[in-house]
Amino acid sequence: MKDLLFLADGNPKVLPNGQINFERLQTITTKIRQILTCQIFRYDIVTRHTEAKDCDEFLMAIVPGKEGALYKLSLLNEERTSPVNTSGSSTSPVRPERLIEKWEREAREAAAKNKK
């Protein structure tokens, strides 16, 4: 649907020379035909009811976390582009250590200490 919206809004109806933009209309028609083709087929969701029920039960059992804990978990996979101080303004351009990097560093340090 995003493609269809982009085709309709992202392309001019009339070319600079004043002619109708038939390429735009042909492209929109092709996209609508693709959508209609998908609507022709019947999707048998009933046979997958137990899987959907299991999925619903799993999702309903998830307990939302606290914002601070979720933020720390997000640092496992994402790094901030720049540190932020308490006032919300950027400080230095130094890349902060991601939490997973900290844990890996600490594990290496502990392993090196145990070897001594």
PDB file of N, CA and C in Angstrom:
ATOM      1  N   MET A   1       0.822  -1.188   0.000  1.00  0.00           N
ATOM      2  CA  MET A   1       0.000   0.000   0.000  1.00  0.00           C
ATOM      3  C   MET A   1       0.873   1.261   0.000  1.00  0.00           C
ATOM      4  N   LYS A   2       2.030   1.180   0.676  1.00  0.00           N
ATOM      5  CA  LYS A   2       2.923   2.335   0.653  1.00  0.00           C
ATOM      6  C   LYS A   2       3.382   2.632  -0.762  1.00  0.00           C
ATOM      7  N   ASP A   3       3.663   1.539  -1.514  1.00  0.00           N
ATOM      8  CA  ASP A   3       4.092   1.736  -2.899  1.00  0.00           C
ATOM      9  C   ASP A   3       3.018   2.452  -3.702  1.00  0.00           C
ATOM     10  N   LEU A   4       1.773   2.040  -3.511  1.00  0.00           N
ATOM     11  CA  LEU A   4       0.665   2.646  -4.252  1.00  0.00           C
ATOM     12  C   LEU A   4       0.518   4.117  -3.885  1.00  0.00           C
ATOM     13  N   LEU A   5       0.623   4.421  -2.606  1.00  0.00           N
ATOM     14  CA  LEU A   5       0.532   5.809  -2.164  1.00  0.00           C
ATOM     15  C   LEU A   5       1.674   6.634  -2.745  1.00  0.00           C
ATOM     16  N   PHE A   6       2.888   6.074  -2.727  1.00  0.00           N
ATOM     17  CA  PHE A   6       4.029   6.791  -3.285  1.00  0.00           C
ATOM     18  C   PHE A   6       3.858   7.012  -4.781  1.00  0.00           C
ATOM     19  N   LEU A   7       3.345   5.981  -5.477  1.00  0.00           N
ATOM     20  CA  LEU A   7       3.138   6.124  -6.922  1.00  0.00           C
ATOM     21  C   LEU A   7       2.138   7.227  -7.226  1.00  0.00           C
ATOM     22  N   ALA A   8       1.089   7.292  -6.421  1.00  0.00           N
ATOM     23  CA  ALA A   8       0.055   8.294  -6.669  1.00  0.00           C
ATOM     24  C   ALA A   8       0.536   9.696  -6.293  1.00  0.00           C
ATOM     25  N   ASP A   9       1.166   9.818  -5.145  1.00  0.00           N
ATOM     26  CA  ASP A   9       1.562  11.145  -4.658  1.00  0.00           C
ATOM     27  C   ASP A   9       2.961  11.565  -5.110  1.00  0.00           C
ATOM     28  N   GLY A  10       3.824  10.600  -5.407  1.00  0.00           N
ATOM     29  CA  GLY A  10       5.215  10.907  -5.688  1.00  0.00           C
ATOM     30  C   GLY A  10       5.532  11.153  -7.155  1.00  0.00           C
ATOM     31  N   ASN A  11       4.541  11.023  -8.012  1.00  0.00           N
ATOM     32  CA  ASN A  11       4.769  11.228  -9.437  1.00  0.00           C
ATOM     33  C   ASN A  11       3.779  12.258  -9.969  1.00  0.00           C
ATOM     34  N   PRO A  12       4.234  13.126 -10.843  1.00  0.00           N
ATOM     35  CA  PRO A  12       3.339  14.170 -11.356  1.00  0.00           C
ATOM     36  C   PRO A  12       2.258  13.594 -12.266  1.00  0.00           C
ATOM     37  N   LYS A  13       1.053  14.163 -12.175  1.00  0.00           N
ATOM     38  CA  LYS A  13      -0.050  13.735 -13.038  1.00  0.00           C
ATOM     39  C   LYS A  13       0.181  14.213 -14.473  1.00  0.00           C
ATOM     40  N   VAL A  14       0.825  15.367 -14.585  1.00  0.00           N
ATOM     41  CA  VAL A  14       1.065  15.967 -15.894  1.00  0.00           C
ATOM     42  C   VAL A  14       2.563  16.189 -16.053  1.00  0.00           C
ATOM     43  N   LEU A  15       3.069  15.857 -17.228  1.00  0.00           N
ATOM     44  CA  LEU A  15       4.481  16.047 -17.524  1.00  0.00           C
ATOM     45  C   LEU A  15       4.771  17.526 -17.773  1.00  0.00           C
ATOM     46  N   PRO A  16       6.029  17.943 -17.701  1.00  0.00           N
ATOM     47  CA  PRO A  16       6.380  19.348 -17.928  1.00  0.00           C
ATOM     48  C   PRO A  16       5.899  19.889 -19.290  1.00  0.00           C
ATOM     49  N   ASN A  17       5.770  18.993 -20.262  1.00  0.00           N
ATOM     50  CA  ASN A  17       5.318  19.445 -21.576  1.00  0.00           C
ATOM     51  C   ASN A  17       3.796  19.541 -21.681  1.00  0.00           C
ATOM     52  N   GLY A  18       3.069  19.267 -20.570  1.00  0.00           N
ATOM     53  CA  GLY A  18       1.615  19.396 -20.542  1.00  0.00           C
ATOM     54  C   GLY A  18       0.869  18.116 -20.845  1.00  0.00           C
ATOM     55  N   GLN A  19       1.568  17.049 -21.179  1.00  0.00           N
ATOM     56  CA  GLN A  19       0.901  15.783 -21.488  1.00  0.00           C
ATOM     57  C   GLN A  19       0.617  15.004 -20.199  1.00  0.00           C
ATOM     58  N   ILE A  20      -0.388  14.132 -20.264  1.00  0.00           N
ATOM     59  CA  ILE A  20      -0.741  13.281 -19.126  1.00  0.00           C
ATOM     60  C   ILE A  20       0.375  12.258 -18.929  1.00  0.00           C
ATOM     61  N   ASN A  21       0.729  12.012 -17.702  1.00  0.00           N
ATOM     62  CA  ASN A  21       1.796  11.069 -17.368  1.00  0.00           C
ATOM     63  C   ASN A  21       1.219   9.644 -17.391  1.00  0.00           C
ATOM     64  N   PHE A  22       1.212   9.029 -18.581  1.00  0.00           N
ATOM     65  CA  PHE A  22       0.644   7.694 -18.733  1.00  0.00           C
ATOM     66  C   PHE A  22       1.511   6.621 -18.069  1.00  0.00           C
ATOM     67  N   GLU A  23       2.794   6.853 -17.970  1.00  0.00           N
ATOM     68  CA  GLU A  23       3.662   5.884 -17.281  1.00  0.00           C
ATOM     69  C   GLU A  23       3.239   5.758 -15.822  1.00  0.00           C
ATOM     70  N   ARG A  24       2.900   6.870 -15.192  1.00  0.00           N
ATOM     71  CA  ARG A  24       2.419   6.867 -13.802  1.00  0.00           C
ATOM     72  C   ARG A  24       1.143   6.044 -13.705  1.00  0.00           C
ATOM     73  N   LEU A  25       0.214   6.266 -14.627  1.00  0.00           N
ATOM     74  CA  LEU A  25      -1.061   5.544 -14.605  1.00  0.00           C
ATOM     75  C   LEU A  25      -0.857   4.045 -14.846  1.00  0.00           C
ATOM     76  N   GLN A  26       0.052   3.687 -15.755  1.00  0.00           N
ATOM     77  CA  GLN A  26       0.324   2.268 -16.014  1.00  0.00           C
ATOM     78  C   GLN A  26       0.943   1.607 -14.783  1.00  0.00           C
ATOM     79  N   THR A  27       1.830   2.301 -14.119  1.00  0.00           N
ATOM     80  CA  THR A  27       2.472   1.749 -12.930  1.00  0.00           C
ATOM     81  C   THR A  27       1.457   1.563 -11.799  1.00  0.00           C
ATOM     82  N   ILE A  28       0.579   2.533 -11.623  1.00  0.00           N
ATOM     83  CA  ILE A  28      -0.477   2.417 -10.597  1.00  0.00           C
ATOM     84  C   ILE A  28      -1.394   1.246 -10.927  1.00  0.00           C
ATOM     85  N   THR A  29      -1.750   1.093 -12.189  1.00  0.00           N
ATOM     86  CA  THR A  29      -2.615  -0.009 -12.614  1.00  0.00           C
ATOM     87  C   THR A  29      -1.950  -1.353 -12.334  1.00  0.00           C
ATOM     88  N   THR A  30      -0.667  -1.467 -12.619  1.00  0.00           N
ATOM     89  CA  THR A  30       0.067  -2.710 -12.355  1.00  0.00           C
ATOM     90  C   THR A  30       0.048  -3.036 -10.868  1.00  0.00           C
ATOM     91  N   LYS A  31       0.277  -2.045 -10.023  1.00  0.00           N
ATOM     92  CA  LYS A  31       0.288  -2.260  -8.566  1.00  0.00           C
ATOM     93  C   LYS A  31      -1.098  -2.684  -8.080  1.00  0.00           C
ATOM     94  N   ILE A  32      -2.167  -2.063  -8.600  1.00  0.00           N
ATOM     95  CA  ILE A  32      -3.532  -2.435  -8.198  1.00  0.00           C
ATOM     96  C   ILE A  32      -3.830  -3.868  -8.624  1.00  0.00           C
ATOM     97  N   ARG A  33      -3.378  -4.261  -9.813  1.00  0.00           N
ATOM     98  CA  ARG A  33      -3.580  -5.644 -10.268  1.00  0.00           C
ATOM     99  C   ARG A  33      -2.870  -6.623  -9.335  1.00  0.00           C
ATOM    100  N   GLN A  34      -1.677  -6.273  -8.870  1.00  0.00           N
ATOM    101  CA  GLN A  34      -0.962  -7.142  -7.935  1.00  0.00           C
ATOM    102  C   GLN A  34      -1.741  -7.305  -6.629  1.00  0.00           C
ATOM    103  N   ILE A  35      -2.309  -6.212  -6.144  1.00  0.00           N
ATOM    104  CA  ILE A  35      -3.110  -6.266  -4.910  1.00  0.00           C
ATOM    105  C   ILE A  35      -4.346  -7.125  -5.117  1.00  0.00           C
ATOM    106  N   LEU A  36      -5.032  -6.942  -6.240  1.00  0.00           N
ATOM    107  CA  LEU A  36      -6.229  -7.732  -6.532  1.00  0.00           C
ATOM    108  C   LEU A  36      -5.904  -9.212  -6.669  1.00  0.00           C
ATOM    109  N   THR A  37      -4.743  -9.539  -7.232  1.00  0.00           N
ATOM    110  CA  THR A  37      -4.328 -10.932  -7.350  1.00  0.00           C
ATOM    111  C   THR A  37      -4.176 -11.560  -5.969  1.00  0.00           C
ATOM    112  N   CYS A  38      -3.622 -10.821  -5.036  1.00  0.00           N
ATOM    113  CA  CYS A  38      -3.473 -11.332  -3.669  1.00  0.00           C
ATOM    114  C   CYS A  38      -4.825 -11.529  -2.995  1.00  0.00           C
ATOM    115  N   GLN A  39      -5.803 -10.725  -3.357  1.00  0.00           N
ATOM    116  CA  GLN A  39      -7.127 -10.826  -2.731  1.00  0.00           C
ATOM    117  C   GLN A  39      -7.957 -11.969  -3.306  1.00  0.00           C
ATOM    118  N   ILE A  40      -7.581 -12.488  -4.460  1.00  0.00           N
ATOM    119  CA  ILE A  40      -8.341 -13.567  -5.091  1.00  0.00           C
ATOM    120  C   ILE A  40      -8.199 -14.862  -4.295  1.00  0.00           C
ATOM    121  N   PHE A  41      -7.012 -15.132  -3.800  1.00  0.00           N
ATOM    122  CA  PHE A  41      -6.742 -16.387  -3.117  1.00  0.00           C
ATOM    123  C   PHE A  41      -7.326 -16.389  -1.717  1.00  0.00           C
ATOM    124  N   ARG A  42      -7.856 -17.539  -1.339  1.00  0.00           N
ATOM    125  CA  ARG A  42      -8.388 -17.700   0.002  1.00  0.00           C
ATOM    126  C   ARG A  42      -7.245 -18.159   0.911  1.00  0.00           C
ATOM    127  N   TYR A  43      -7.113 -17.510   2.041  1.00  0.00           N
ATOM    128  CA  TYR A  43      -6.075 -17.860   3.005  1.00  0.00           C
ATOM    129  C   TYR A  43      -6.716 -18.646   4.142  1.00  0.00           C
ATOM    130  N   ASP A  44      -6.310 -19.886   4.301  1.00  0.00           N
ATOM    131  CA  ASP A  44      -6.900 -20.775   5.295  1.00  0.00           C
ATOM    132  C   ASP A  44      -6.210 -20.567   6.634  1.00  0.00           C
ATOM    133  N   ILE A  45      -6.751 -19.662   7.423  1.00  0.00           N
ATOM    134  CA  ILE A  45      -6.160 -19.342   8.719  1.00  0.00           C
ATOM    135  C   ILE A  45      -6.689 -20.265   9.804  1.00  0.00           C
ATOM    136  N   VAL A  46      -7.846 -20.859   9.586  1.00  0.00           N
ATOM    137  CA  VAL A  46      -8.480 -21.703  10.603  1.00  0.00           C
ATOM    138  C   VAL A  46      -7.582 -22.874  10.981  1.00  0.00           C
ATOM    139  N   THR A  47      -6.887 -23.472  10.026  1.00  0.00           N
ATOM    140  CA  THR A  47      -6.044 -24.637  10.342  1.00  0.00           C
ATOM    141  C   THR A  47      -4.868 -24.257  11.230  1.00  0.00           C
ATOM    142  N   ARG A  48      -4.540 -22.984  11.289  1.00  0.00           N
ATOM    143  CA  ARG A  48      -3.412 -22.537  12.094  1.00  0.00           C
ATOM    144  C   ARG A  48      -3.879 -21.911  13.413  1.00  0.00           C
ATOM    145  N   HIS A  49      -5.109 -22.185  13.785  1.00  0.00           N
ATOM    146  CA  HIS A  49      -5.674 -21.561  14.981  1.00  0.00           C
ATOM    147  C   HIS A  49      -4.855 -21.866  16.232  1.00  0.00           C
ATOM    148  N   THR A  50      -4.404 -23.104  16.383  1.00  0.00           N
ATOM    149  CA  THR A  50      -3.667 -23.449  17.603  1.00  0.00           C
ATOM    150  C   THR A  50      -2.336 -22.702  17.658  1.00  0.00           C
ATOM    151  N   GLU A  51      -1.682 -22.535  16.504  1.00  0.00           N
ATOM    152  CA  GLU A  51      -0.432 -21.781  16.485  1.00  0.00           C
ATOM    153  C   GLU A  51      -0.682 -20.324  16.853  1.00  0.00           C
ATOM    154  N   ALA A  52      -1.763 -19.755  16.324  1.00  0.00           N
ATOM    155  CA  ALA A  52      -2.092 -18.366  16.636  1.00  0.00           C
ATOM    156  C   ALA A  52      -2.429 -18.224  18.116  1.00  0.00           C
ATOM    157  N   LYS A  53      -3.124 -19.203  18.668  1.00  0.00           N
ATOM    158  CA  LYS A  53      -3.475 -19.169  20.092  1.00  0.00           C
ATOM    159  C   LYS A  53      -2.214 -19.229  20.948  1.00  0.00           C
ATOM    160  N   ASP A  54      -1.278 -20.109  20.578  1.00  0.00           N
ATOM    161  CA  ASP A  54      -0.013 -20.199  21.312  1.00  0.00           C
ATOM    162  C   ASP A  54       0.748 -18.884  21.258  1.00  0.00           C
ATOM    163  N   CYS A  55       0.743 -18.267  20.091  1.00  0.00           N
ATOM    164  CA  CYS A  55       1.430 -16.988  19.916  1.00  0.00           C
ATOM    165  C   CYS A  55       0.765 -15.914  20.776  1.00  0.00           C
ATOM    166  N   ASP A  56      -0.571 -15.880  20.761  1.00  0.00           N
ATOM    167  CA  ASP A  56      -1.296 -14.900  21.582  1.00  0.00           C
ATOM    168  C   ASP A  56      -0.984 -15.088  23.057  1.00  0.00           C
ATOM    169  N   GLU A  57      -0.970 -16.344  23.526  1.00  0.00           N
ATOM    170  CA  GLU A  57      -0.671 -16.619  24.928  1.00  0.00           C
ATOM    171  C   GLU A  57       0.740 -16.176  25.287  1.00  0.00           C
ATOM    172  N   PHE A  58       1.689 -16.423  24.386  1.00  0.00           N
ATOM    173  CA  PHE A  58       3.072 -16.003  24.626  1.00  0.00           C
ATOM    174  C   PHE A  58       3.157 -14.483  24.741  1.00  0.00           C
ATOM    175  N   LEU A  59       2.529 -13.786  23.806  1.00  0.00           N
ATOM    176  CA  LEU A  59       2.595 -12.323  23.815  1.00  0.00           C
ATOM    177  C   LEU A  59       1.901 -11.728  25.035  1.00  0.00           C
ATOM    178  N   MET A  60       0.806 -12.331  25.462  1.00  0.00           N
ATOM    179  CA  MET A  60       0.084 -11.823  26.629  1.00  0.00           C
ATOM    180  C   MET A  60       0.857 -12.081  27.922  1.00  0.00           C
ATOM    181  N   ALA A  61       1.751 -13.076  27.914  1.00  0.00           N
ATOM    182  CA  ALA A  61       2.518 -13.410  29.117  1.00  0.00           C
ATOM    183  C   ALA A  61       3.737 -12.512  29.301  1.00  0.00           C
ATOM    184  N   ILE A  62       4.075 -11.727  28.296  1.00  0.00           N
ATOM    185  CA  ILE A  62       5.244 -10.861  28.403  1.00  0.00           C
ATOM    186  C   ILE A  62       4.951  -9.728  29.381  1.00  0.00           C
ATOM    187  N   VAL A  63       5.827  -9.576  30.342  1.00  0.00           N
ATOM    188  CA  VAL A  63       5.669  -8.522  31.334  1.00  0.00           C
ATOM    189  C   VAL A  63       6.520  -7.329  30.894  1.00  0.00           C
ATOM    190  N   PRO A  64       5.894  -6.161  30.745  1.00  0.00           N
ATOM    191  CA  PRO A  64       6.690  -5.001  30.320  1.00  0.00           C
ATOM    192  C   PRO A  64       7.719  -4.641  31.385  1.00  0.00           C
ATOM    193  N   GLY A  65       8.894  -4.237  30.928  1.00  0.00           N
ATOM    194  CA  GLY A  65       9.966  -3.879  31.844  1.00  0.00           C
ATOM    195  C   GLY A  65       9.951  -2.399  32.181  1.00  0.00           C
ATOM    196  N   LYS A  66      10.775  -2.042  33.133  1.00  0.00           N
ATOM    197  CA  LYS A  66      10.909  -0.635  33.497  1.00  0.00           C
ATOM    198  C   LYS A  66      11.796   0.054  32.463  1.00  0.00           C
ATOM    199  N   GLU A  67      11.567   1.334  32.281  1.00  0.00           N
ATOM    200  CA  GLU A  67      12.253   2.082  31.226  1.00  0.00           C
ATOM    201  C   GLU A  67      13.776   2.016  31.369  1.00  0.00           C
ATOM    202  N   GLY A  68      14.280   2.161  32.579  1.00  0.00           N
ATOM    203  CA  GLY A  68      15.726   2.145  32.789  1.00  0.00           C
ATOM    204  C   GLY A  68      16.337   0.807  32.417  1.00  0.00           C
ATOM    205  N   ALA A  69      15.670  -0.267  32.826  1.00  0.00           N
ATOM    206  CA  ALA A  69      16.171  -1.607  32.501  1.00  0.00           C
ATOM    207  C   ALA A  69      16.106  -1.857  31.001  1.00  0.00           C
ATOM    208  N   LEU A  70      15.024  -1.423  30.365  1.00  0.00           N
ATOM    209  CA  LEU A  70      14.901  -1.600  28.918  1.00  0.00           C
ATOM    210  C   LEU A  70      15.967  -0.799  28.181  1.00  0.00           C
ATOM    211  N   TYR A  71      16.281   0.386  28.695  1.00  0.00           N
ATOM    212  CA  TYR A  71      17.320   1.196  28.064  1.00  0.00           C
ATOM    213  C   TYR A  71      18.666   0.481  28.139  1.00  0.00           C
ATOM    214  N   LYS A  72      18.984  -0.089  29.307  1.00  0.00           N
ATOM    215  CA  LYS A  72      20.247  -0.816  29.456  1.00  0.00           C
ATOM    216  C   LYS A  72      20.295  -2.009  28.504  1.00  0.00           C
ATOM    217  N   LEU A  73      19.163  -2.707  28.359  1.00  0.00           N
ATOM    218  CA  LEU A  73      19.122  -3.825  27.430  1.00  0.00           C
ATOM    219  C   LEU A  73      19.313  -3.360  25.987  1.00  0.00           C
ATOM    220  N   SER A  74      18.769  -2.182  25.667  1.00  0.00           N
ATOM    221  CA  SER A  74      18.932  -1.676  24.301  1.00  0.00           C
ATOM    222  C   SER A  74      20.395  -1.376  23.991  1.00  0.00           C
ATOM    223  N   LEU A  75      21.163  -1.057  25.013  1.00  0.00           N
ATOM    224  CA  LEU A  75      22.582  -0.777  24.806  1.00  0.00           C
ATOM    225  C   LEU A  75      23.373  -2.034  24.440  1.00  0.00           C
ATOM    226  N   LEU A  76      22.770  -3.205  24.663  1.00  0.00           N
ATOM    227  CA  LEU A  76      23.435  -4.434  24.255  1.00  0.00           C
ATOM    228  C   LEU A  76      23.597  -4.482  22.741  1.00  0.00           C
ATOM    229  N   ASN A  77      22.628  -3.949  22.029  1.00  0.00           N
ATOM    230  CA  ASN A  77      22.629  -4.038  20.575  1.00  0.00           C
ATOM    231  C   ASN A  77      22.842  -2.709  19.875  1.00  0.00           C
ATOM    232  N   GLU A  78      22.565  -1.626  20.542  1.00  0.00           N
ATOM    233  CA  GLU A  78      22.675  -0.315  19.915  1.00  0.00           C
ATOM    234  C   GLU A  78      23.622   0.556  20.723  1.00  0.00           C
ATOM    235  N   GLU A  79      24.326   1.378  20.029  1.00  0.00           N
ATOM    236  CA  GLU A  79      25.163   2.330  20.737  1.00  0.00           C
ATOM    237  C   GLU A  79      24.587   3.716  20.515  1.00  0.00           C
ATOM    238  N   ARG A  80      24.771   4.561  21.492  1.00  0.00           N
ATOM    239  CA  ARG A  80      24.355   5.950  21.319  1.00  0.00           C
ATOM    240  C   ARG A  80      25.348   6.621  20.395  1.00  0.00           C
ATOM    241  N   THR A  81      24.874   7.588  19.612  1.00  0.00           N
ATOM    242  CA  THR A  81      25.794   8.274  18.709  1.00  0.00           C
ATOM    243  C   THR A  81      26.705   9.209  19.476  1.00  0.00           C
ATOM    244  N   SER A  82      26.196   9.795  20.550  1.00  0.00           N
ATOM    245  CA  SER A  82      27.045  10.611  21.414  1.00  0.00           C
ATOM    246  C   SER A  82      26.468  10.582  22.813  1.00  0.00           C
ATOM    247  N   PRO A  83      27.322  10.702  23.812  1.00  0.00           N
ATOM    248  CA  PRO A  83      26.829  10.671  25.189  1.00  0.00           C
ATOM    249  C   PRO A  83      25.893  11.843  25.457  1.00  0.00           C
ATOM    250  N   VAL A  84      24.976  11.630  26.351  1.00  0.00           N
ATOM    251  CA  VAL A  84      24.041  12.690  26.725  1.00  0.00           C
ATOM    252  C   VAL A  84      24.164  12.909  28.223  1.00  0.00           C
ATOM    253  N   ASN A  85      24.285  14.172  28.626  1.00  0.00           N
ATOM    254  CA  ASN A  85      24.357  14.429  30.059  1.00  0.00           C
ATOM    255  C   ASN A  85      22.950  14.596  30.608  1.00  0.00           C
ATOM    256  N   THR A  86      22.816  14.848  31.892  1.00  0.00           N
ATOM    257  CA  THR A  86      21.500  14.900  32.518  1.00  0.00           C
ATOM    258  C   THR A  86      20.635  16.031  32.002  1.00  0.00           C
ATOM    259  N   SER A  87      21.228  17.080  31.482  1.00  0.00           N
ATOM    260  CA  SER A  87      20.416  18.185  30.964  1.00  0.00           C
ATOM    261  C   SER A  87      19.886  17.876  29.573  1.00  0.00           C
ATOM    262  N   GLY A  88      20.324  16.762  28.962  1.00  0.00           N
ATOM    263  CA  GLY A  88      19.824  16.363  27.662  1.00  0.00           C
ATOM    264  C   GLY A  88      20.639  16.867  26.500  1.00  0.00           C
ATOM    265  N   SER A  89      21.653  17.689  26.757  1.00  0.00           N
ATOM    266  CA  SER A  89      22.471  18.186  25.657  1.00  0.00           C
ATOM    267  C   SER A  89      23.656  17.265  25.437  1.00  0.00           C
ATOM    268  N   SER A  90      24.135  17.222  24.205  1.00  0.00           N
ATOM    269  CA  SER A  90      25.275  16.361  23.880  1.00  0.00           C
ATOM    270  C   SER A  90      26.527  16.873  24.564  1.00  0.00           C
ATOM    271  N   THR A  91      27.374  15.949  24.940  1.00  0.00           N
ATOM    272  CA  THR A  91      28.646  16.330  25.544  1.00  0.00           C
ATOM    273  C   THR A  91      29.745  16.071  24.525  1.00  0.00           C
ATOM    274  N   SER A  92      30.672  15.228  24.819  1.00  0.00           N
ATOM    275  CA  SER A  92      31.801  14.989  23.924  1.00  0.00           C
ATOM    276  C   SER A  92      31.417  13.993  22.831  1.00  0.00           C
ATOM    277  N   PRO A  93      32.179  13.977  21.719  1.00  0.00           N
ATOM    278  CA  PRO A  93      31.890  13.040  20.641  1.00  0.00           C
ATOM    279  C   PRO A  93      32.432  11.637  20.886  1.00  0.00           C
ATOM    280  N   VAL A  94      32.920  11.364  22.094  1.00  0.00           N
ATOM    281  CA  VAL A  94      33.474  10.053  22.412  1.00  0.00           C
ATOM    282  C   VAL A  94      32.351   9.019  22.420  1.00  0.00           C
ATOM    283  N   ARG A  95      32.598   7.887  21.731  1.00  0.00           N
ATOM    284  CA  ARG A  95      31.591   6.837  21.682  1.00  0.00           C
ATOM    285  C   ARG A  95      31.558   6.112  23.018  1.00  0.00           C
ATOM    286  N   PRO A  96      30.380   6.008  23.636  1.00  0.00           N
ATOM    287  CA  PRO A  96      30.303   5.306  24.917  1.00  0.00           C
ATOM    288  C   PRO A  96      30.413   3.796  24.710  1.00  0.00           C
ATOM    289  N   GLU A  97      30.849   3.133  25.745  1.00  0.00           N
ATOM    290  CA  GLU A  97      30.983   1.684  25.686  1.00  0.00           C
ATOM    291  C   GLU A  97      29.596   1.058  25.776  1.00  0.00           C
ATOM    292  N   ARG A  98      29.298   0.151  24.832  1.00  0.00           N
ATOM    293  CA  ARG A  98      28.026  -0.563  24.909  1.00  0.00           C
ATOM    294  C   ARG A  98      28.093  -1.529  26.071  1.00  0.00           C
ATOM    295  N   LEU A  99      26.947  -1.855  26.642  1.00  0.00           N
ATOM    296  CA  LEU A  99      26.895  -2.724  27.808  1.00  0.00           C
ATOM    297  C   LEU A  99      27.524  -4.081  27.520  1.00  0.00           C
ATOM    298  N   ILE A 100      27.250  -4.637  26.351  1.00  0.00           N
ATOM    299  CA  ILE A 100      27.817  -5.947  26.022  1.00  0.00           C
ATOM    300  C   ILE A 100      29.333  -5.865  25.909  1.00  0.00           C
ATOM    301  N   GLU A 101      29.843  -4.741  25.381  1.00  0.00           N
ATOM    302  CA  GLU A 101      31.291  -4.560  25.308  1.00  0.00           C
ATOM    303  C   GLU A 101      31.889  -4.496  26.706  1.00  0.00           C
ATOM    304  N   LYS A 102      31.188  -3.839  27.620  1.00  0.00           N
ATOM    305  CA  LYS A 102      31.659  -3.744  29.008  1.00  0.00           C
ATOM    306  C   LYS A 102      31.732  -5.137  29.623  1.00  0.00           C
ATOM    307  N   TRP A 103      30.679  -5.929  29.424  1.00  0.00           N
ATOM    308  CA  TRP A 103      30.666  -7.275  29.992  1.00  0.00           C
ATOM    309  C   TRP A 103      31.779  -8.131  29.400  1.00  0.00           C
ATOM    310  N   GLU A 104      31.986  -8.017  28.082  1.00  0.00           N
ATOM    311  CA  GLU A 104      33.057  -8.789  27.449  1.00  0.00           C
ATOM    312  C   GLU A 104      34.422  -8.354  27.976  1.00  0.00           C
ATOM    313  N   ARG A 105      34.624  -7.057  28.148  1.00  0.00           N
ATOM    314  CA  ARG A 105      35.889  -6.534  28.669  1.00  0.00           C
ATOM    315  C   ARG A 105      36.115  -7.034  30.090  1.00  0.00           C
ATOM    316  N   GLU A 106      35.057  -6.954  30.919  1.00  0.00           N
ATOM    317  CA  GLU A 106      35.177  -7.412  32.301  1.00  0.00           C
ATOM    318  C   GLU A 106      35.471  -8.912  32.366  1.00  0.00           C
ATOM    319  N   ALA A 107      34.870  -9.695  31.463  1.00  0.00           N
ATOM    320  CA  ALA A 107      35.119 -11.141  31.433  1.00  0.00           C
ATOM    321  C   ALA A 107      36.564 -11.420  31.051  1.00  0.00           C
ATOM    322  N   ARG A 108      37.091 -10.670  30.074  1.00  0.00           N
ATOM    323  CA  ARG A 108      38.493 -10.841  29.680  1.00  0.00           C
ATOM    324  C   ARG A 108      39.427 -10.469  30.824  1.00  0.00           C
ATOM    325  N   GLU A 109      39.119  -9.371  31.525  1.00  0.00           N
ATOM    326  CA  GLU A 109      39.943  -8.946  32.646  1.00  0.00           C
ATOM    327  C   GLU A 109      39.917  -9.975  33.770  1.00  0.00           C
ATOM    328  N   ALA A 110      38.737 -10.531  34.033  1.00  0.00           N
ATOM    329  CA  ALA A 110      38.621 -11.540  35.101  1.00  0.00           C
ATOM    330  C   ALA A 110      39.375 -12.797  34.714  1.00  0.00           C
ATOM    331  N   ALA A 111      39.303 -13.196  33.443  1.00  0.00           N
ATOM    332  CA  ALA A 111      40.028 -14.379  32.978  1.00  0.00           C
ATOM    333  C   ALA A 111      41.531 -14.144  33.072  1.00  0.00           C
ATOM    334  N   ALA A 112      41.991 -12.954  32.745  1.00  0.00           N
ATOM    335  CA  ALA A 112      43.420 -12.641  32.825  1.00  0.00           C
ATOM    336  C   ALA A 112      43.881 -12.646  34.288  1.00  0.00           C
ATOM    337  N   LYS A 113      43.027 -12.157  35.184  1.00  0.00           N
ATOM    338  CA  LYS A 113      43.356 -12.139  36.609  1.00  0.00           C
ATOM    339  C   LYS A 113      43.474 -13.561  37.151  1.00  0.00           C
ATOM    340  N   ASN A 114      42.567 -14.432  36.702  1.00  0.00           N
ATOM    341  CA  ASN A 114      42.568 -15.824  37.189  1.00  0.00           C
ATOM    342  C   ASN A 114      43.781 -16.589  36.695  1.00  0.00           C
ATOM    343  N   LYS A 115      44.372 -16.191  35.561  1.00  0.00           N
ATOM    344  CA  LYS A 115      45.557 -16.869  35.021  1.00  0.00           C
ATOM    345  C   LYS A 115      46.792 -16.558  35.846  1.00  0.00           C
ATOM    346  N   LYS A 116      46.817 -15.400  36.521  1.00  0.00           N
ATOM    347  CA  LYS A 116      47.998 -14.981  37.280  1.00  0.00           C
ATOM    348  C   LYS A 116      48.188 -15.767  38.514  1.00  0.00           C
TER     349      LYS A 116
END
